[in-house]
Amino acid sequence: MMATFSKLNLAVIISSFAIFQFGFHSLSAWISSRVTSGFNNLDQKKKIEWNSRTVSSFHALLVGAFCMYILLYDDAVNADHVWGDPSIVQINLSITSGYLISDLLLLIFYWKAIGDIFFIIHHIAALYAYYFVLRWGLLAYFANFRLLAEFSTPFVNQRWFLEVLCYPKDSKFNIINGVLMTIAFFLARIIIMPIYYANVYAELGTEAFYRLGFAAQCAWFSSCFVLDAMNLMWMVKITRGCCKVLRLIGQRSKALKNGKSD
């Protein structure tokens, strides 16, 4: 059992933190101002959130792709869900940990612009769980499975980008992204819940489960319950928003049809 963080994992965490800080403070604005002129017209508060969401999307795409690779090709972790060789998963979690620490500092420092207590809770719960994987190398499969949730993040961020760029709610881009966001969030964060907890249930009472110890077991369950409670809350909000847009489209289509009939 590993007693401390490996030098490699620490190096990845520090590098990840530095890269995401650089992305927020410099790279995002440089790229965004060249991609859309709308970025330059935003006030300072919205530019802060824009940069935050840009690095968030980059992180989600990076670790999401890494997650899929591990799920498909990391035989050691997939064969032993509790004690399988965590080496590759730890690299991915180190990237995510660096991002979460970076984002936590930004949330606190720019609280008036992007502060959100639910994001603070989310980040702390995730880091608490990842600590056990990174330090002792346990539960790597389950940690990687949780990170699949990041596949929905780019769509959530894109919805905000379209909103601040003043795209109409019933525009084609908004409608397509809204539907994809709802589907992605449901698939990546909700529908996988029974699959995830079925795998958890399969490990209960086994020798591997008892070897974890009480502290790791508590971290495993408590972090999952907190994160999933928030995912369900966000799913309700996203579904309501999607339904409003679809109703708006329906009303507009009906009005156009009635107009043609007249």
Protein backbone atom coordinates (compact mmCIF):
# COMPACT_ATOMS: atom_id res chain seq x y z
CA MET A 1 0.00 0.00 0.00
CA MET A 2 1.34 3.43 -0.92
CA ALA A 3 1.92 5.65 2.10
CA THR A 4 2.57 8.96 0.38
CA PHE A 5 1.94 10.74 -2.87
CA SER A 6 4.41 9.69 -5.56
CA LYS A 7 6.74 12.36 -6.95
CA LEU A 8 5.15 11.87 -10.37
CA ASN A 9 1.63 12.52 -9.09
CA LEU A 10 2.77 15.59 -7.16
CA ALA A 11 4.54 16.89 -10.26
CA VAL A 12 1.39 16.38 -12.34
CA ILE A 13 -0.79 18.14 -9.74
CA ILE A 14 1.55 21.13 -9.60
CA SER A 15 1.90 21.27 -13.39
CA SER A 16 -1.85 20.97 -13.85
CA PHE A 17 -2.44 23.77 -11.36
CA ALA A 18 0.06 26.03 -13.14
CA ILE A 19 -1.35 25.26 -16.61
CA PHE A 20 -4.95 25.97 -15.60
CA GLN A 21 -3.92 29.18 -13.85
CA PHE A 22 -2.10 30.27 -17.00
CA GLY A 23 -5.13 29.26 -19.07
CA PHE A 24 -7.42 31.38 -16.91
CA HIS A 25 -5.23 34.46 -16.60
CA SER A 26 -3.74 34.60 -20.11
CA LEU A 27 -4.51 31.92 -22.68
CA SER A 28 -8.32 31.98 -22.55
CA ALA A 29 -8.58 35.71 -23.24
CA TRP A 30 -5.98 35.53 -26.01
CA ILE A 31 -7.81 32.71 -27.81
CA SER A 32 -11.34 33.94 -27.10
CA SER A 33 -10.71 37.45 -28.45
CA ARG A 34 -9.61 35.87 -31.73
CA VAL A 35 -12.47 33.38 -31.93
CA THR A 36 -15.28 35.86 -31.27
CA SER A 37 -15.40 39.64 -31.15
CA GLY A 38 -18.16 39.32 -28.55
CA PHE A 39 -15.58 38.50 -25.87
CA ASN A 40 -14.08 42.01 -26.02
CA ASN A 41 -17.51 43.54 -25.47
CA LEU A 42 -18.08 41.72 -22.17
CA ASP A 43 -17.69 43.50 -18.84
CA GLN A 44 -14.91 42.44 -16.48
CA LYS A 45 -17.15 40.24 -14.36
CA LYS A 46 -18.34 38.22 -17.36
CA LYS A 47 -14.81 37.97 -18.74
CA ILE A 48 -13.76 36.36 -15.47
CA GLU A 49 -16.52 33.78 -15.74
CA TRP A 50 -15.80 33.28 -19.44
CA ASN A 51 -12.16 32.45 -18.71
CA SER A 52 -13.20 30.17 -15.86
CA ARG A 53 -15.58 28.24 -18.12
CA THR A 54 -13.03 28.04 -20.93
CA VAL A 55 -10.47 26.23 -18.77
CA SER A 56 -13.30 24.16 -17.29
CA SER A 57 -14.24 22.93 -20.78
CA PHE A 58 -10.63 22.15 -21.66
CA HIS A 59 -10.22 20.18 -18.43
CA ALA A 60 -13.45 18.26 -19.05
CA LEU A 61 -12.45 17.23 -22.59
CA LEU A 62 -8.95 16.20 -21.49
CA VAL A 63 -9.87 14.07 -18.48
CA GLY A 64 -13.03 12.76 -20.17
CA ALA A 65 -10.99 11.32 -23.04
CA PHE A 66 -8.52 9.90 -20.50
CA CYS A 67 -11.43 8.29 -18.60
CA MET A 68 -12.72 6.54 -21.69
CA TYR A 69 -9.26 5.20 -22.50
CA ILE A 70 -8.93 3.78 -18.98
CA LEU A 71 -12.43 2.30 -19.05
CA LEU A 72 -11.74 0.57 -22.36
CA TYR A 73 -8.08 -0.42 -22.09
CA ASP A 74 -6.84 -0.43 -18.47
CA ASP A 75 -7.24 -4.14 -17.75
CA ALA A 76 -5.69 -3.98 -14.28
CA VAL A 77 -8.21 -1.47 -12.93
CA ASN A 78 -11.17 -3.05 -14.69
CA ALA A 79 -10.28 -6.52 -13.36
CA ASP A 80 -10.04 -5.40 -9.72
CA HIS A 81 -12.36 -2.48 -8.97
CA VAL A 82 -11.02 -1.89 -5.45
CA TRP A 83 -7.30 -2.68 -5.53
CA GLY A 84 -6.40 -2.73 -9.23
CA ASP A 85 -3.17 -0.99 -10.29
CA PRO A 86 -4.07 2.72 -10.05
CA SER A 87 -1.07 4.16 -11.92
CA ILE A 88 -2.88 5.47 -15.01
CA VAL A 89 -5.97 6.57 -13.07
CA GLN A 90 -3.74 8.48 -10.65
CA ILE A 91 -2.31 10.53 -13.52
CA ASN A 92 -5.82 11.49 -14.57
CA LEU A 93 -6.85 12.29 -11.00
CA SER A 94 -3.70 14.35 -10.54
CA ILE A 95 -4.67 16.45 -13.56
CA THR A 96 -8.15 16.89 -12.12
CA SER A 97 -6.85 17.65 -8.62
CA GLY A 98 -4.60 20.39 -10.00
CA TYR A 99 -7.58 21.86 -11.83
CA LEU A 100 -9.88 21.64 -8.78
CA ILE A 101 -7.34 23.36 -6.52
CA SER A 102 -6.84 26.05 -9.16
CA ASP A 103 -10.58 26.56 -9.57
CA LEU A 104 -11.15 26.64 -5.80
CA LEU A 105 -8.69 29.51 -5.45
CA LEU A 106 -10.30 31.36 -8.35
CA LEU A 107 -13.79 30.87 -6.89
CA ILE A 108 -12.63 32.36 -3.61
CA PHE A 109 -10.52 35.18 -5.07
CA TYR A 110 -13.18 36.22 -7.60
CA TRP A 111 -16.14 35.38 -5.38
CA LYS A 112 -18.28 38.32 -6.53
CA ALA A 113 -17.94 37.20 -10.15
CA ILE A 114 -17.94 33.39 -10.01
CA GLY A 115 -18.38 32.41 -6.35
CA ASP A 116 -20.82 29.52 -5.82
CA ILE A 117 -21.15 27.52 -2.61
CA PHE A 118 -22.26 24.41 -4.50
CA PHE A 119 -19.07 24.44 -6.58
CA ILE A 120 -17.04 24.82 -3.39
CA ILE A 121 -18.79 21.78 -1.88
CA HIS A 122 -18.40 19.83 -5.13
CA HIS A 123 -14.65 20.52 -5.38
CA ILE A 124 -13.92 19.73 -1.73
CA ALA A 125 -15.93 16.49 -1.85
CA ALA A 126 -14.09 15.39 -5.00
CA LEU A 127 -10.64 16.27 -3.63
CA TYR A 128 -11.45 14.45 -0.38
CA ALA A 129 -12.25 11.27 -2.32
CA TYR A 130 -9.30 11.61 -4.71
CA TYR A 131 -6.90 11.95 -1.78
CA PHE A 132 -7.42 8.29 -0.89
CA VAL A 133 -6.84 7.15 -4.47
CA LEU A 134 -3.73 9.27 -4.90
CA ARG A 135 -2.16 8.44 -1.54
CA TRP A 136 -3.05 4.76 -1.11
CA GLY A 137 -3.98 3.65 -4.62
CA LEU A 138 -7.40 2.27 -3.76
CA LEU A 139 -10.79 2.49 -5.52
CA ALA A 140 -9.19 3.65 -8.79
CA TYR A 141 -11.94 2.11 -10.93
CA PHE A 142 -14.68 3.94 -9.06
CA ALA A 143 -12.81 7.25 -9.10
CA ASN A 144 -12.36 6.97 -12.85
CA PHE A 145 -16.03 6.05 -13.31
CA ARG A 146 -17.07 9.21 -11.47
CA LEU A 147 -14.98 11.36 -13.80
CA LEU A 148 -17.13 10.29 -16.76
CA ALA A 149 -19.48 13.02 -15.52
CA GLU A 150 -17.14 15.59 -17.09
CA PHE A 151 -18.49 14.77 -20.56
CA SER A 152 -21.50 16.99 -19.84
CA THR A 153 -19.47 20.03 -18.75
CA PRO A 154 -18.60 21.50 -22.20
CA PHE A 155 -22.30 21.62 -23.13
CA VAL A 156 -23.19 23.36 -19.86
CA ASN A 157 -20.46 25.93 -20.45
CA GLN A 158 -21.46 26.40 -24.08
CA ARG A 159 -24.98 27.28 -22.96
CA TRP A 160 -23.55 30.11 -20.87
CA PHE A 161 -21.30 31.29 -23.73
CA LEU A 162 -24.28 31.53 -26.08
CA GLU A 163 -26.30 33.38 -23.45
CA VAL A 164 -23.68 36.10 -22.82
CA LEU A 165 -23.14 36.47 -26.57
CA CYS A 166 -26.87 37.28 -26.76
CA TYR A 167 -27.94 34.36 -28.93
CA PRO A 168 -31.76 34.10 -28.80
CA LYS A 169 -33.02 31.22 -26.66
CA ASP A 170 -34.86 29.82 -29.67
CA SER A 171 -31.87 30.11 -32.02
CA LYS A 172 -30.68 26.95 -33.74
CA PHE A 173 -27.36 26.90 -31.85
CA ASN A 174 -29.08 27.32 -28.49
CA ILE A 175 -31.68 24.66 -29.20
CA ILE A 176 -29.17 22.08 -30.43
CA ASN A 177 -26.78 22.72 -27.55
CA GLY A 178 -29.63 22.73 -25.02
CA VAL A 179 -30.91 19.34 -26.15
CA LEU A 180 -27.37 17.89 -26.30
CA MET A 181 -26.61 19.33 -22.86
CA THR A 182 -29.69 17.71 -21.34
CA ILE A 183 -28.93 14.35 -22.97
CA ALA A 184 -25.22 14.47 -22.07
CA PHE A 185 -25.93 15.45 -18.46
CA PHE A 186 -28.49 12.67 -18.11
CA LEU A 187 -26.20 10.04 -19.65
CA ALA A 188 -22.97 11.12 -17.94
CA ARG A 189 -24.31 11.93 -14.48
CA ILE A 190 -27.74 10.36 -13.93
CA ILE A 191 -28.23 7.18 -15.95
CA ILE A 192 -24.85 5.86 -14.80
CA MET A 193 -25.90 6.08 -11.14
CA PRO A 194 -27.58 2.65 -10.98
CA ILE A 195 -24.64 1.12 -12.88
CA TYR A 196 -22.18 2.74 -10.50
CA TYR A 197 -24.04 1.74 -7.33
CA ALA A 198 -24.57 -1.79 -8.63
CA ASN A 199 -20.78 -2.10 -8.88
CA VAL A 200 -20.46 -0.62 -5.38
CA TYR A 201 -23.00 -3.12 -4.02
CA ALA A 202 -21.07 -5.99 -5.63
CA GLU A 203 -18.01 -5.08 -3.53
CA LEU A 204 -19.80 -4.77 -0.18
CA GLY A 205 -18.83 -7.49 2.27
CA THR A 206 -15.88 -8.72 0.23
CA GLU A 207 -12.36 -9.08 1.61
CA ALA A 208 -11.23 -6.24 -0.67
CA PHE A 209 -13.92 -3.99 0.80
CA TYR A 210 -12.93 -4.69 4.41
CA ARG A 211 -9.27 -4.06 3.60
CA LEU A 212 -10.16 -0.46 2.74
CA GLY A 213 -10.71 0.51 6.35
CA PHE A 214 -13.39 2.71 7.86
CA ALA A 215 -11.92 6.08 6.78
CA ALA A 216 -11.71 5.11 3.10
CA GLN A 217 -15.17 3.56 3.18
CA CYS A 218 -16.62 6.76 4.66
CA ALA A 219 -14.84 8.91 2.07
CA TRP A 220 -16.10 6.66 -0.71
CA PHE A 221 -19.76 6.74 0.31
CA SER A 222 -20.02 10.30 1.62
CA SER A 223 -18.39 11.90 -1.42
CA CYS A 224 -20.60 9.89 -3.79
CA PHE A 225 -23.80 10.85 -1.97
CA VAL A 226 -22.88 14.55 -1.89
CA LEU A 227 -21.91 14.65 -5.58
CA ASP A 228 -24.96 12.72 -6.72
CA ALA A 229 -27.32 14.88 -4.66
CA MET A 230 -25.95 17.92 -6.49
CA ASN A 231 -26.12 16.14 -9.85
CA LEU A 232 -29.81 15.39 -9.29
CA MET A 233 -30.44 19.01 -8.28
CA TRP A 234 -28.67 20.30 -11.41
CA MET A 235 -30.49 17.76 -13.59
CA VAL A 236 -33.85 19.13 -12.42
CA LYS A 237 -32.77 22.69 -13.28
CA ILE A 238 -31.42 21.69 -16.69
CA THR A 239 -34.57 19.72 -17.52
CA ARG A 240 -36.79 22.65 -16.58
CA GLY A 241 -34.72 24.97 -18.78
CA CYS A 242 -34.84 22.56 -21.70
CA CYS A 243 -38.62 22.15 -21.35
CA LYS A 244 -39.08 25.95 -21.39
CA VAL A 245 -37.13 26.25 -24.65
CA LEU A 246 -39.04 23.37 -26.25
CA ARG A 247 -42.36 24.92 -25.20
CA LEU A 248 -41.23 28.23 -26.69
CA ILE A 249 -40.42 26.50 -29.96
CA GLY A 250 -43.79 24.76 -29.93
CA GLN A 251 -45.64 28.02 -29.33
CA ARG A 252 -43.73 29.76 -32.11
CA SER A 253 -44.38 26.91 -34.55
CA LYS A 254 -48.08 26.96 -33.66
CA ALA A 255 -48.22 30.74 -34.16
CA LEU A 256 -46.55 30.46 -37.55
CA LYS A 257 -48.90 27.69 -38.59
CA ASN A 258 -51.95 29.70 -37.52
CA GLY A 259 -50.59 32.74 -39.35
CA LYS A 260 -50.25 30.78 -42.58
CA SER A 261 -53.73 29.36 -42.11
CA ASP A 262 -55.16 32.89 -41.77
